[in-house]
Amino acid sequence: MRWPVALADECLARLFATLMTGSTPDPMTREWLLKGVLASARHGLPLDEALCLAGGGARTLRRRLLTRRRDAHLAEALAAVALGDEPTDWERCRRLATEIRRFKAAVWPRARKWDAPPTDWPAWKAALFRAAQTGIELPDSPDALSAAWARVRHYSRPCTPGTVLELYL
């Protein structure tokens, strides 16, 4: 069975969490690990490919986790960019896209060496700073921001195991 990358990431995060706590993996995670190790042994695949964590053009686990972190910061910026008039998600994406283009051109070149954003920055700008710190390119079109927002809503479940792995980046 070929596991979707997102599901493989989830299984890896669950396995990591169970190893950290000393508990037993759930049946799905156990099946994923057993099938991946067997596929690696039987077919000579690298383990990360057999576990559907890499290979076939997929981005690395690290890049997926960093993108996830960047998208979460972009979601913070989208929430903070409202000017009090309760704009639609699309209008927020349009506003933030303009601000991101300005940020990338004028602010980030000098701010990239800082450890943290200045405390007097507005929340949306501080969130952009943290998003840029991931090293993953900031999207600067409304469409790309809308896609990032949709991804955040997709994996914003309480206690998402993937966030445990993000802590170790």
Protein backbone atom coordinates (compact mmCIF):
# COMPACT_ATOMS: atom_id res chain seq x y z
CA MET A 1 0.00 0.00 0.00
CA ARG A 2 1.31 3.44 -0.93
CA TRP A 3 0.57 5.85 1.92
CA PRO A 4 -0.16 9.52 1.16
CA VAL A 5 2.73 11.72 2.33
CA ALA A 6 0.51 13.64 4.76
CA LEU A 7 -0.62 10.39 6.36
CA ALA A 8 2.96 9.12 6.53
CA ASP A 9 3.99 12.39 8.22
CA GLU A 10 1.15 11.92 10.69
CA CYS A 11 2.22 8.32 11.42
CA LEU A 12 5.82 9.39 11.93
CA ALA A 13 4.71 12.11 14.33
CA ARG A 14 2.56 9.62 16.24
CA LEU A 15 5.44 7.15 16.40
CA PHE A 16 7.73 9.88 17.68
CA ALA A 17 5.18 10.89 20.33
CA THR A 18 4.77 7.29 21.52
CA LEU A 19 8.53 6.81 21.71
CA MET A 20 8.86 10.03 23.73
CA THR A 21 6.20 8.90 26.21
CA GLY A 22 7.06 5.20 26.25
CA SER A 23 3.56 4.20 25.16
CA THR A 24 2.54 1.73 22.45
CA PRO A 25 1.91 2.89 18.85
CA ASP A 26 -1.68 2.83 17.64
CA PRO A 27 -2.62 0.12 15.09
CA MET A 28 -2.41 2.42 12.04
CA THR A 29 1.07 3.66 13.00
CA ARG A 30 2.23 0.12 13.70
CA GLU A 31 0.92 -1.06 10.30
CA TRP A 32 2.62 1.87 8.53
CA LEU A 33 5.96 1.15 10.19
CA LEU A 34 5.84 -2.62 9.66
CA LYS A 35 4.85 -2.33 5.99
CA GLY A 36 7.50 0.31 5.37
CA VAL A 37 10.31 -1.68 6.99
CA LEU A 38 9.25 -4.81 5.08
CA ALA A 39 9.10 -2.90 1.78
CA SER A 40 12.56 -1.52 2.44
CA ALA A 41 13.98 -4.96 3.23
CA ARG A 42 12.23 -6.79 0.40
CA HIS A 43 12.66 -4.25 -2.39
CA GLY A 44 15.86 -2.49 -1.37
CA LEU A 45 14.17 0.88 -1.02
CA PRO A 46 15.65 3.52 1.25
CA LEU A 47 13.64 3.45 4.48
CA ASP A 48 12.36 7.01 4.13
CA GLU A 49 11.04 6.18 0.66
CA ALA A 50 9.50 2.88 1.82
CA LEU A 51 7.75 4.78 4.62
CA CYS A 52 6.48 7.33 2.03
CA LEU A 53 8.39 10.14 3.73
CA ALA A 54 10.51 10.96 0.67
CA GLY A 55 11.14 9.87 -2.88
CA GLY A 56 9.05 10.26 -5.98
CA GLY A 57 9.55 14.01 -6.02
CA ALA A 58 8.15 14.54 -2.51
CA ARG A 59 9.62 17.34 -0.44
CA THR A 60 11.65 16.33 2.56
CA LEU A 61 10.04 15.93 5.95
CA ARG A 62 12.00 18.92 7.23
CA ARG A 63 10.73 21.12 4.40
CA ARG A 64 7.14 19.97 4.96
CA LEU A 65 7.39 20.78 8.67
CA LEU A 66 8.96 24.17 7.98
CA THR A 67 6.26 24.94 5.42
CA ARG A 68 3.67 23.98 8.00
CA ARG A 69 5.28 26.36 10.52
CA ARG A 70 5.49 29.15 7.90
CA ASP A 71 1.82 28.67 7.01
CA ALA A 72 0.83 28.89 10.69
CA HIS A 73 2.66 32.23 10.97
CA LEU A 74 1.01 33.41 7.75
CA ALA A 75 -2.36 32.51 9.26
CA GLU A 76 -1.47 34.70 12.27
CA ALA A 77 -0.59 37.52 9.90
CA LEU A 78 -3.83 37.06 7.98
CA ALA A 79 -5.82 37.24 11.21
CA ALA A 80 -3.98 40.38 12.29
CA VAL A 81 -4.09 42.27 8.99
CA ALA A 82 -7.78 43.17 9.37
CA LEU A 83 -8.41 46.84 9.88
CA GLY A 84 -11.49 46.38 12.03
CA ASP A 85 -13.97 46.15 9.20
CA GLU A 86 -14.26 42.33 9.27
CA PRO A 87 -12.93 41.70 5.76
CA THR A 88 -13.43 38.41 3.98
CA ASP A 89 -10.61 35.86 3.88
CA TRP A 90 -9.97 36.85 0.26
CA GLU A 91 -9.68 40.53 1.14
CA ARG A 92 -7.22 39.65 3.93
CA CYS A 93 -5.17 37.65 1.42
CA ARG A 94 -5.16 40.61 -0.98
CA ARG A 95 -4.07 43.02 1.76
CA LEU A 96 -1.39 40.71 3.11
CA ALA A 97 -0.02 39.94 -0.38
CA THR A 98 0.69 43.64 -0.85
CA GLU A 99 2.33 43.86 2.58
CA ILE A 100 4.43 40.75 1.92
CA ARG A 101 5.81 42.24 -1.31
CA ARG A 102 6.80 45.37 0.63
CA PHE A 103 8.22 43.31 3.49
CA LYS A 104 10.34 41.14 1.17
CA ALA A 105 11.68 44.14 -0.74
CA ALA A 106 12.31 46.66 2.03
CA VAL A 107 12.27 45.01 5.46
CA TRP A 108 13.52 41.44 5.26
CA PRO A 109 16.91 42.19 3.65
CA ARG A 110 18.00 44.08 6.79
CA ALA A 111 15.85 42.19 9.33
CA ARG A 112 16.97 38.68 8.35
CA LYS A 113 19.94 38.83 10.74
CA TRP A 114 17.76 39.69 13.76
CA ASP A 115 16.73 37.04 16.28
CA ALA A 116 13.27 38.50 16.83
CA PRO A 117 11.05 41.22 15.43
CA PRO A 118 11.00 44.60 17.20
CA THR A 119 8.37 44.78 19.92
CA ASP A 120 6.81 47.90 18.39
CA TRP A 121 5.92 46.16 15.13
CA PRO A 122 2.26 45.41 14.44
CA ALA A 123 1.24 41.77 14.97
CA TRP A 124 0.91 41.04 11.24
CA LYS A 125 4.46 42.26 10.57
CA ALA A 126 5.92 40.27 13.48
CA ALA A 127 4.13 37.16 12.16
CA LEU A 128 5.63 37.78 8.71
CA PHE A 129 9.06 38.03 10.32
CA ARG A 130 8.59 34.64 12.02
CA ALA A 131 7.27 33.15 8.76
CA ALA A 132 10.32 34.44 6.87
CA GLN A 133 12.63 33.00 9.56
CA THR A 134 11.60 29.49 8.49
CA GLY A 135 13.61 29.95 5.31
CA ILE A 136 10.65 28.88 3.18
CA GLU A 137 9.75 31.49 0.55
CA LEU A 138 6.87 33.76 1.52
CA PRO A 139 4.01 33.62 -0.98
CA ASP A 140 3.11 37.09 -2.21
CA SER A 141 -0.02 36.49 -4.25
CA PRO A 142 -3.55 36.33 -2.87
CA ASP A 143 -4.05 32.89 -4.43
CA ALA A 144 -0.94 31.44 -2.77
CA LEU A 145 -1.90 32.96 0.59
CA SER A 146 -5.39 31.54 0.28
CA ALA A 147 -3.87 28.09 -0.39
CA ALA A 148 -1.62 28.44 2.69
CA TRP A 149 -4.65 29.45 4.77
CA ALA A 150 -6.56 26.41 3.51
CA ARG A 151 -3.65 24.13 4.49
CA VAL A 152 -3.58 25.61 8.00
CA ARG A 153 -7.29 25.01 8.42
CA HIS A 154 -6.75 21.43 7.20
CA TYR A 155 -4.17 20.56 9.87
CA SER A 156 -5.25 22.85 12.69
CA ARG A 157 -6.71 20.05 14.75
CA PRO A 158 -6.09 20.21 18.50
CA CYS A 159 -2.79 18.57 19.47
CA THR A 160 -1.75 17.72 15.92
CA PRO A 161 1.14 15.26 16.31
CA GLY A 162 3.12 16.93 13.50
CA THR A 163 3.55 19.95 15.72
CA VAL A 164 5.53 17.78 18.15
CA LEU A 165 8.14 17.19 15.45
CA GLU A 166 8.21 20.91 14.59
CA LEU A 167 9.49 21.65 18.09
CA TYR A 168 12.71 19.79 17.26
CA LEU A 169 13.60 21.71 14.08
